Amino acid sequence: MKPLLAALVALALPAPALGADLSVATKDVSLRTKTGSAKRFNMVGLHWRGSGSVLFRTRATNGRWSIWRSAAPEEEDGPDGRDERSRPGWRIGNPYWTGPANRLQVRTLGRVRRVRAHYIWSREQGAPLRAISSAGSPLILSRLAWGANERIRRGRPKYANALRFSLVHHTAGSNTYTRAQSAAIVRGIQLYHVRSNGWDDIGYNFLIDKFGQVFEGRFGGIDRNVVGAHAQGFNQGSVGVALLGNYDAG
């Protein structure tokens, strides 16, 4: 983004709301009762120790339970190298947008010694988002527009000499989110990737919701070859695009 354009965008958009509007609570899940709870959350991600796998479901605040889901539908997500890496000894699941919920149940398959839940609350903001664009490019919602928390970001961005390919992911979770909730989902993913997984920033270079809104992902410039944390072993020279929602079914 050109400096003048960035300055104009900064003046036009309100500062993102933080604090009580965005939080994460980390708690171990009892393997005896296979249950966990939090006062409130609308996104959850699971970490576990052991070679097995984990399924989970959540209870909405209206008392209805979700379907059972795999905690890690895309296990290749992750950074490269030693400078930025996931929590040692833990297997990492994706963050799922659940909508307002307060309870969690898990099922374990195979050897699982410990399960830890990261309950995220990311409140929907009322102000409409404003997209930016330069000539010939699609409209993109900047980090400032969607409310990225620059205070939790770690390290400096890394750049590849060239981009050779792109990888498309889905973030999993509910597909029933509204257009206004999309930014809350992106804020929650950033918080989970940094505070829960231990990454430097949100892993994806760009995120796209079901309404066609494009969100700037990892910090470093939308016109530069920023190295993400979306495909462990293949981040260098690739661009990672994540579709918000679950696209396993045809």
C-alpha atoms as a PDB file:
ATOM      1  CA  MET A   1       0.000   0.000   0.000  1.00  0.00           C
ATOM      2  CA  LYS A   2       1.317   3.457  -0.895  1.00  0.00           C
ATOM      3  CA  PRO A   3       2.108   5.690   2.153  1.00  0.00           C
ATOM      4  CA  LEU A   4      -0.405   8.388   1.166  1.00  0.00           C
ATOM      5  CA  LEU A   5      -3.193   5.822   0.729  1.00  0.00           C
ATOM      6  CA  ALA A   6      -2.346   4.223   4.075  1.00  0.00           C
ATOM      7  CA  ALA A   7      -2.511   7.611   5.784  1.00  0.00           C
ATOM      8  CA  LEU A   8      -5.901   8.404   4.257  1.00  0.00           C
ATOM      9  CA  VAL A   9      -7.279   5.031   5.330  1.00  0.00           C
ATOM     10  CA  ALA A  10      -5.998   5.536   8.871  1.00  0.00           C
ATOM     11  CA  LEU A  11      -7.814   8.867   9.085  1.00  0.00           C
ATOM     12  CA  ALA A  12     -11.045   7.478   7.675  1.00  0.00           C
ATOM     13  CA  LEU A  13     -11.393   4.445   9.922  1.00  0.00           C
ATOM     14  CA  PRO A  14     -12.048   4.257  13.671  1.00  0.00           C
ATOM     15  CA  ALA A  15      -9.526   2.601  15.970  1.00  0.00           C
ATOM     16  CA  PRO A  16     -10.451  -1.035  16.712  1.00  0.00           C
ATOM     17  CA  ALA A  17     -12.106  -1.827  20.024  1.00  0.00           C
ATOM     18  CA  LEU A  18     -10.021  -4.126  22.234  1.00  0.00           C
ATOM     19  CA  GLY A  19     -10.073  -5.264  25.849  1.00  0.00           C
ATOM     20  CA  ALA A  20     -13.351  -6.895  26.913  1.00  0.00           C
ATOM     21  CA  ASP A  21     -14.411  -7.150  23.265  1.00  0.00           C
ATOM     22  CA  LEU A  22     -11.640  -9.661  22.524  1.00  0.00           C
ATOM     23  CA  SER A  23     -10.315 -12.214  25.000  1.00  0.00           C
ATOM     24  CA  VAL A  24      -9.046 -15.775  25.305  1.00  0.00           C
ATOM     25  CA  ALA A  25      -9.366 -18.127  28.292  1.00  0.00           C
ATOM     26  CA  THR A  26      -7.262 -21.309  28.356  1.00  0.00           C
ATOM     27  CA  LYS A  27      -8.446 -24.305  30.395  1.00  0.00           C
ATOM     28  CA  ASP A  28      -7.681 -28.009  30.497  1.00  0.00           C
ATOM     29  CA  VAL A  29     -10.601 -30.311  29.613  1.00  0.00           C
ATOM     30  CA  SER A  30     -11.284 -33.137  32.055  1.00  0.00           C
ATOM     31  CA  LEU A  31     -10.551 -36.465  30.384  1.00  0.00           C
ATOM     32  CA  ARG A  32     -12.675 -38.154  33.045  1.00  0.00           C
ATOM     33  CA  THR A  33     -15.880 -36.241  32.308  1.00  0.00           C
ATOM     34  CA  LYS A  34     -14.843 -35.206  28.754  1.00  0.00           C
ATOM     35  CA  THR A  35     -16.364 -31.771  29.375  1.00  0.00           C
ATOM     36  CA  GLY A  36     -15.211 -28.180  29.665  1.00  0.00           C
ATOM     37  CA  SER A  37     -16.902 -24.822  30.048  1.00  0.00           C
ATOM     38  CA  ALA A  38     -16.398 -21.071  29.956  1.00  0.00           C
ATOM     39  CA  LYS A  39     -18.647 -18.168  30.869  1.00  0.00           C
ATOM     40  CA  ARG A  40     -18.958 -17.280  27.225  1.00  0.00           C
ATOM     41  CA  PHE A  41     -17.157 -17.872  23.946  1.00  0.00           C
ATOM     42  CA  ASN A  42     -17.920 -17.744  20.246  1.00  0.00           C
ATOM     43  CA  MET A  43     -14.756 -19.421  18.972  1.00  0.00           C
ATOM     44  CA  VAL A  44     -12.797 -22.363  20.346  1.00  0.00           C
ATOM     45  CA  GLY A  45      -9.598 -24.191  19.444  1.00  0.00           C
ATOM     46  CA  LEU A  46      -8.196 -27.361  21.000  1.00  0.00           C
ATOM     47  CA  HIS A  47      -4.630 -28.467  21.711  1.00  0.00           C
ATOM     48  CA  TRP A  48      -3.792 -31.985  22.855  1.00  0.00           C
ATOM     49  CA  ARG A  49      -0.905 -34.269  23.735  1.00  0.00           C
ATOM     50  CA  GLY A  50      -0.622 -37.759  22.299  1.00  0.00           C
ATOM     51  CA  SER A  51      -0.769 -39.519  18.938  1.00  0.00           C
ATOM     52  CA  GLY A  52      -4.558 -39.799  18.872  1.00  0.00           C
ATOM     53  CA  SER A  53      -7.198 -37.410  17.592  1.00  0.00           C
ATOM     54  CA  VAL A  54      -9.946 -35.326  19.184  1.00  0.00           C
ATOM     55  CA  LEU A  55     -13.567 -34.617  18.279  1.00  0.00           C
ATOM     56  CA  PHE A  56     -15.651 -31.951  19.976  1.00  0.00           C
ATOM     57  CA  ARG A  57     -19.028 -30.280  20.084  1.00  0.00           C
ATOM     58  CA  THR A  58     -20.232 -27.085  21.737  1.00  0.00           C
ATOM     59  CA  ARG A  59     -23.439 -26.016  23.465  1.00  0.00           C
ATOM     60  CA  ALA A  60     -24.935 -22.726  22.372  1.00  0.00           C
ATOM     61  CA  THR A  61     -26.285 -20.298  24.944  1.00  0.00           C
ATOM     62  CA  ASN A  62     -29.804 -21.328  23.869  1.00  0.00           C
ATOM     63  CA  GLY A  63     -29.020 -24.894  25.036  1.00  0.00           C
ATOM     64  CA  ARG A  64     -28.633 -26.532  21.630  1.00  0.00           C
ATOM     65  CA  TRP A  65     -25.607 -28.717  20.915  1.00  0.00           C
ATOM     66  CA  SER A  66     -23.651 -28.552  17.666  1.00  0.00           C
ATOM     67  CA  ILE A  67     -22.656 -31.544  15.572  1.00  0.00           C
ATOM     68  CA  TRP A  68     -19.415 -33.362  16.407  1.00  0.00           C
ATOM     69  CA  ARG A  69     -16.391 -31.934  14.598  1.00  0.00           C
ATOM     70  CA  SER A  70     -12.767 -32.906  14.133  1.00  0.00           C
ATOM     71  CA  ALA A  71     -10.490 -30.589  16.102  1.00  0.00           C
ATOM     72  CA  ALA A  72      -7.852 -30.521  13.352  1.00  0.00           C
ATOM     73  CA  PRO A  73      -9.263 -30.784   9.823  1.00  0.00           C
ATOM     74  CA  GLU A  74      -6.148 -29.187   8.281  1.00  0.00           C
ATOM     75  CA  GLU A  75      -3.141 -30.210  10.338  1.00  0.00           C
ATOM     76  CA  GLU A  76      -0.615 -28.748   7.910  1.00  0.00           C
ATOM     77  CA  ASP A  77      -1.259 -25.198   9.184  1.00  0.00           C
ATOM     78  CA  GLY A  78       1.865 -23.903  10.887  1.00  0.00           C
ATOM     79  CA  PRO A  79       5.047 -21.856  10.574  1.00  0.00           C
ATOM     80  CA  ASP A  80       8.459 -22.908   9.261  1.00  0.00           C
ATOM     81  CA  GLY A  81      11.815 -22.908  11.001  1.00  0.00           C
ATOM     82  CA  ARG A  82      12.918 -22.203  14.538  1.00  0.00           C
ATOM     83  CA  ASP A  83      12.208 -18.485  14.736  1.00  0.00           C
ATOM     84  CA  GLU A  84       8.457 -19.074  14.791  1.00  0.00           C
ATOM     85  CA  ARG A  85       7.014 -22.402  15.809  1.00  0.00           C
ATOM     86  CA  SER A  86       4.030 -23.935  17.544  1.00  0.00           C
ATOM     87  CA  ARG A  87       3.892 -24.961  21.196  1.00  0.00           C
ATOM     88  CA  PRO A  88       6.338 -27.887  21.601  1.00  0.00           C
ATOM     89  CA  GLY A  89       4.712 -31.189  22.519  1.00  0.00           C
ATOM     90  CA  TRP A  90       1.192 -30.116  21.615  1.00  0.00           C
ATOM     91  CA  ARG A  91      -0.893 -30.992  18.585  1.00  0.00           C
ATOM     92  CA  ILE A  92      -2.811 -27.966  17.405  1.00  0.00           C
ATOM     93  CA  GLY A  93      -6.389 -27.786  16.203  1.00  0.00           C
ATOM     94  CA  ASN A  94      -8.064 -25.089  14.137  1.00  0.00           C
ATOM     95  CA  PRO A  95     -10.049 -22.281  15.756  1.00  0.00           C
ATOM     96  CA  TYR A  96     -13.783 -22.798  15.133  1.00  0.00           C
ATOM     97  CA  TRP A  97     -16.393 -20.061  15.043  1.00  0.00           C
ATOM     98  CA  THR A  98     -19.220 -21.478  17.155  1.00  0.00           C
ATOM     99  CA  GLY A  99     -21.458 -18.494  17.794  1.00  0.00           C
ATOM    100  CA  PRO A 100     -22.304 -17.657  21.437  1.00  0.00           C
ATOM    101  CA  ALA A 101     -21.661 -20.793  23.512  1.00  0.00           C
ATOM    102  CA  ASN A 102     -20.735 -21.791  27.060  1.00  0.00           C
ATOM    103  CA  ARG A 103     -19.961 -25.517  27.160  1.00  0.00           C
ATOM    104  CA  LEU A 104     -17.741 -28.044  25.391  1.00  0.00           C
ATOM    105  CA  GLN A 105     -17.653 -31.841  25.118  1.00  0.00           C
ATOM    106  CA  VAL A 106     -14.818 -33.911  23.628  1.00  0.00           C
ATOM    107  CA  ARG A 107     -14.276 -37.433  22.357  1.00  0.00           C
ATOM    108  CA  THR A 108     -10.788 -38.868  22.081  1.00  0.00           C
ATOM    109  CA  LEU A 109      -9.670 -41.492  19.586  1.00  0.00           C
ATOM    110  CA  GLY A 110      -6.438 -43.359  20.194  1.00  0.00           C
ATOM    111  CA  ARG A 111      -3.846 -42.168  22.653  1.00  0.00           C
ATOM    112  CA  VAL A 112      -4.638 -38.706  24.042  1.00  0.00           C
ATOM    113  CA  ARG A 113      -3.051 -37.776  27.369  1.00  0.00           C
ATOM    114  CA  ARG A 114      -4.267 -34.207  27.771  1.00  0.00           C
ATOM    115  CA  VAL A 115      -6.680 -31.795  26.088  1.00  0.00           C
ATOM    116  CA  ARG A 116      -6.584 -28.023  26.449  1.00  0.00           C
ATOM    117  CA  ALA A 117      -9.326 -25.677  25.221  1.00  0.00           C
ATOM    118  CA  HIS A 118      -8.780 -22.074  24.180  1.00  0.00           C
ATOM    119  CA  TYR A 119     -12.087 -20.233  24.536  1.00  0.00           C
ATOM    120  CA  ILE A 120     -12.184 -16.995  22.544  1.00  0.00           C
ATOM    121  CA  TRP A 121     -14.694 -14.187  22.768  1.00  0.00           C
ATOM    122  CA  SER A 122     -14.611 -11.823  19.784  1.00  0.00           C
ATOM    123  CA  ARG A 123     -17.462  -9.334  19.820  1.00  0.00           C
ATOM    124  CA  GLU A 124     -19.062  -8.145  16.622  1.00  0.00           C
ATOM    125  CA  GLN A 125     -18.458  -4.451  15.957  1.00  0.00           C
ATOM    126  CA  GLY A 126     -21.299  -2.226  14.813  1.00  0.00           C
ATOM    127  CA  ALA A 127     -19.383   0.129  12.496  1.00  0.00           C
ATOM    128  CA  PRO A 128     -19.374  -0.881   8.807  1.00  0.00           C
ATOM    129  CA  LEU A 129     -16.032  -1.898   7.365  1.00  0.00           C
ATOM    130  CA  ARG A 130     -14.404   0.129   4.600  1.00  0.00           C
ATOM    131  CA  ALA A 131     -12.346  -1.541   1.919  1.00  0.00           C
ATOM    132  CA  ILE A 132      -9.358  -0.068   0.094  1.00  0.00           C
ATOM    133  CA  SER A 133      -8.076  -0.710  -3.396  1.00  0.00           C
ATOM    134  CA  SER A 134      -5.354   0.371  -5.761  1.00  0.00           C
ATOM    135  CA  ALA A 135      -5.776   0.389  -9.518  1.00  0.00           C
ATOM    136  CA  GLY A 136      -6.465  -3.064 -10.917  1.00  0.00           C
ATOM    137  CA  SER A 137      -6.722  -4.849  -7.563  1.00  0.00           C
ATOM    138  CA  PRO A 138      -9.778  -6.145  -5.671  1.00  0.00           C
ATOM    139  CA  LEU A 139     -11.217  -4.327  -2.675  1.00  0.00           C
ATOM    140  CA  ILE A 140      -9.351  -5.409   0.464  1.00  0.00           C
ATOM    141  CA  LEU A 141     -10.236  -4.811   4.099  1.00  0.00           C
ATOM    142  CA  SER A 142      -7.024  -3.614   5.753  1.00  0.00           C
ATOM    143  CA  ARG A 143      -5.807  -4.805   9.141  1.00  0.00           C
ATOM    144  CA  LEU A 144      -6.866  -1.451  10.542  1.00  0.00           C
ATOM    145  CA  ALA A 145     -10.348  -1.899   9.083  1.00  0.00           C
ATOM    146  CA  TRP A 146     -10.981  -5.328  10.624  1.00  0.00           C
ATOM    147  CA  GLY A 147      -9.350  -4.454  13.931  1.00  0.00           C
ATOM    148  CA  ALA A 148      -6.054  -6.368  14.004  1.00  0.00           C
ATOM    149  CA  ASN A 149      -4.370  -6.148  17.390  1.00  0.00           C
ATOM    150  CA  GLU A 150      -0.890  -4.893  16.516  1.00  0.00           C
ATOM    151  CA  ARG A 151       0.164  -4.970  20.162  1.00  0.00           C
ATOM    152  CA  ILE A 152       0.206  -8.779  20.322  1.00  0.00           C
ATOM    153  CA  ARG A 153       2.126  -9.237  17.076  1.00  0.00           C
ATOM    154  CA  ARG A 154       5.649 -10.655  17.507  1.00  0.00           C
ATOM    155  CA  GLY A 155       8.755 -10.269  15.407  1.00  0.00           C
ATOM    156  CA  ARG A 156       9.270  -8.647  12.038  1.00  0.00           C
ATOM    157  CA  PRO A 157       7.658  -9.926   8.847  1.00  0.00           C
ATOM    158  CA  LYS A 158       9.733 -12.150   6.582  1.00  0.00           C
ATOM    159  CA  TYR A 159       9.655 -11.891   2.804  1.00  0.00           C
ATOM    160  CA  ALA A 160      10.219 -14.357  -0.032  1.00  0.00           C
ATOM    161  CA  ASN A 161      12.136 -13.419  -3.166  1.00  0.00           C
ATOM    162  CA  ALA A 162       9.198 -14.481  -5.324  1.00  0.00           C
ATOM    163  CA  LEU A 163       5.772 -16.127  -5.123  1.00  0.00           C
ATOM    164  CA  ARG A 164       5.574 -19.488  -6.864  1.00  0.00           C
ATOM    165  CA  PHE A 165       2.156 -20.842  -5.878  1.00  0.00           C
ATOM    166  CA  SER A 166      -0.922 -20.254  -3.735  1.00  0.00           C
ATOM    167  CA  LEU A 167      -2.679 -22.514  -1.237  1.00  0.00           C
ATOM    168  CA  VAL A 168      -6.362 -22.271  -0.387  1.00  0.00           C
ATOM    169  CA  HIS A 169      -7.610 -23.378   3.030  1.00  0.00           C
ATOM    170  CA  HIS A 170     -10.854 -23.196   4.932  1.00  0.00           C
ATOM    171  CA  THR A 171     -10.998 -22.073   8.541  1.00  0.00           C
ATOM    172  CA  ALA A 172     -13.736 -24.580   9.532  1.00  0.00           C
ATOM    173  CA  GLY A 173     -16.470 -23.724  12.010  1.00  0.00           C
ATOM    174  CA  SER A 174     -19.988 -22.535  11.316  1.00  0.00           C
ATOM    175  CA  ASN A 175     -21.128 -21.308   7.895  1.00  0.00           C
ATOM    176  CA  THR A 176     -24.062 -19.402   9.392  1.00  0.00           C
ATOM    177  CA  TYR A 177     -22.119 -16.285  10.335  1.00  0.00           C
ATOM    178  CA  THR A 178     -23.345 -12.896   9.161  1.00  0.00           C
ATOM    179  CA  ARG A 179     -21.476 -10.350   7.073  1.00  0.00           C
ATOM    180  CA  ALA A 180     -21.026  -8.191  10.173  1.00  0.00           C
ATOM    181  CA  GLN A 181     -19.495 -11.124  12.113  1.00  0.00           C
ATOM    182  CA  SER A 182     -16.736 -11.806   9.586  1.00  0.00           C
ATOM    183  CA  ALA A 183     -14.312  -9.294  11.110  1.00  0.00           C
ATOM    184  CA  ALA A 184     -14.921 -10.786  14.572  1.00  0.00           C
ATOM    185  CA  ILE A 185     -13.950 -14.193  13.183  1.00  0.00           C
ATOM    186  CA  VAL A 186     -10.729 -12.802  11.699  1.00  0.00           C
ATOM    187  CA  ARG A 187      -9.865 -11.042  14.983  1.00  0.00           C
ATOM    188  CA  GLY A 188     -10.462 -14.293  16.860  1.00  0.00           C
ATOM    189  CA  ILE A 189      -8.222 -16.241  14.482  1.00  0.00           C
ATOM    190  CA  GLN A 190      -5.410 -13.732  14.969  1.00  0.00           C
ATOM    191  CA  LEU A 191      -5.717 -13.958  18.752  1.00  0.00           C
ATOM    192  CA  TYR A 192      -5.711 -17.767  18.651  1.00  0.00           C
ATOM    193  CA  HIS A 193      -2.749 -17.980  16.282  1.00  0.00           C
ATOM    194  CA  VAL A 194      -0.642 -15.622  18.412  1.00  0.00           C
ATOM    195  CA  ARG A 195      -1.687 -16.163  22.036  1.00  0.00           C
ATOM    196  CA  SER A 196      -2.708 -19.822  21.866  1.00  0.00           C
ATOM    197  CA  ASN A 197      -0.428 -21.283  19.167  1.00  0.00           C
ATOM    198  CA  GLY A 198       2.543 -19.013  19.868  1.00  0.00           C
ATOM    199  CA  TRP A 199       2.893 -17.772  16.280  1.00  0.00           C
ATOM    200  CA  ASP A 200       4.107 -14.290  15.367  1.00  0.00           C
ATOM    201  CA  ASP A 201       0.819 -13.165  13.815  1.00  0.00           C
ATOM    202  CA  ILE A 202      -2.212 -14.516  11.993  1.00  0.00           C
ATOM    203  CA  GLY A 203      -0.998 -17.326   9.757  1.00  0.00           C
ATOM    204  CA  TYR A 204      -2.859 -16.574   6.513  1.00  0.00           C
ATOM    205  CA  ASN A 205      -1.918 -13.884   3.994  1.00  0.00           C
ATOM    206  CA  PHE A 206      -5.542 -13.231   3.060  1.00  0.00           C
ATOM    207  CA  LEU A 207      -8.932 -14.360   4.326  1.00  0.00           C
ATOM    208  CA  ILE A 208     -12.186 -14.313   2.337  1.00  0.00           C
ATOM    209  CA  ASP A 209     -15.685 -14.647   3.759  1.00  0.00           C
ATOM    210  CA  LYS A 210     -18.732 -16.176   2.049  1.00  0.00           C
ATOM    211  CA  PHE A 211     -19.883 -12.678   1.055  1.00  0.00           C
ATOM    212  CA  GLY A 212     -16.726 -12.045  -0.977  1.00  0.00           C
ATOM    213  CA  GLN A 213     -15.076  -9.690   1.517  1.00  0.00           C
ATOM    214  CA  VAL A 214     -11.264  -9.971   1.348  1.00  0.00           C
ATOM    215  CA  PHE A 215      -9.304  -9.349   4.557  1.00  0.00           C
ATOM    216  CA  GLU A 216      -5.621  -8.480   4.713  1.00  0.00           C
ATOM    217  CA  GLY A 217      -3.988 -11.188   6.806  1.00  0.00           C
ATOM    218  CA  ARG A 218      -0.420 -11.377   8.046  1.00  0.00           C
ATOM    219  CA  PHE A 219       1.321  -8.052   8.622  1.00  0.00           C
ATOM    220  CA  GLY A 220       3.929  -6.894   6.118  1.00  0.00           C
ATOM    221  CA  GLY A 221       2.117  -5.313   3.176  1.00  0.00           C
ATOM    222  CA  ILE A 222      -0.480  -6.601   0.743  1.00  0.00           C
ATOM    223  CA  ASP A 223       1.833  -5.833  -2.198  1.00  0.00           C
ATOM    224  CA  ARG A 224       4.814  -7.758  -0.806  1.00  0.00           C
ATOM    225  CA  ASN A 225       5.717 -11.472  -0.635  1.00  0.00           C
ATOM    226  CA  VAL A 226       5.043 -11.945   3.067  1.00  0.00           C
ATOM    227  CA  VAL A 227       5.926 -15.413   4.414  1.00  0.00           C
ATOM    228  CA  GLY A 228       2.910 -16.774   6.293  1.00  0.00           C
ATOM    229  CA  ALA A 229       2.291 -19.691   8.660  1.00  0.00           C
ATOM    230  CA  HIS A 230      -0.373 -21.549   6.712  1.00  0.00           C
ATOM    231  CA  ALA A 231       1.450 -24.571   5.252  1.00  0.00           C
ATOM    232  CA  GLN A 232       4.302 -25.921   7.339  1.00  0.00           C
ATOM    233  CA  GLY A 233       7.262 -26.661   5.089  1.00  0.00           C
ATOM    234  CA  PHE A 234       5.774 -24.729   2.145  1.00  0.00           C
ATOM    235  CA  ASN A 235       5.333 -21.191   3.463  1.00  0.00           C
ATOM    236  CA  GLN A 236       8.385 -19.774   1.691  1.00  0.00           C
ATOM    237  CA  GLY A 237       7.321 -18.493  -1.713  1.00  0.00           C
ATOM    238  CA  SER A 238       3.611 -19.230  -1.303  1.00  0.00           C
ATOM    239  CA  VAL A 239       0.544 -17.161  -0.516  1.00  0.00           C
ATOM    240  CA  GLY A 240      -2.058 -18.611   1.840  1.00  0.00           C
ATOM    241  CA  VAL A 241      -5.731 -17.786   1.350  1.00  0.00           C
ATOM    242  CA  ALA A 242      -8.305 -18.964   3.898  1.00  0.00           C
ATOM    243  CA  LEU A 243     -12.033 -19.166   3.236  1.00  0.00           C
ATOM    244  CA  LEU A 244     -14.068 -18.448   6.373  1.00  0.00           C
ATOM    245  CA  GLY A 245     -16.257 -21.470   7.053  1.00  0.00           C
ATOM    246  CA  ASN A 246     -16.379 -25.203   6.434  1.00  0.00           C
ATOM    247  CA  TYR A 247     -16.078 -26.392   2.835  1.00  0.00           C
ATOM    248  CA  ASP A 248     -15.511 -30.120   3.351  1.00  0.00           C
ATOM    249  CA  ALA A 249     -18.815 -30.996   1.671  1.00  0.00           C
ATOM    250  CA  GLY A 250     -19.444 -30.367  -1.984  1.00  0.00           C
END
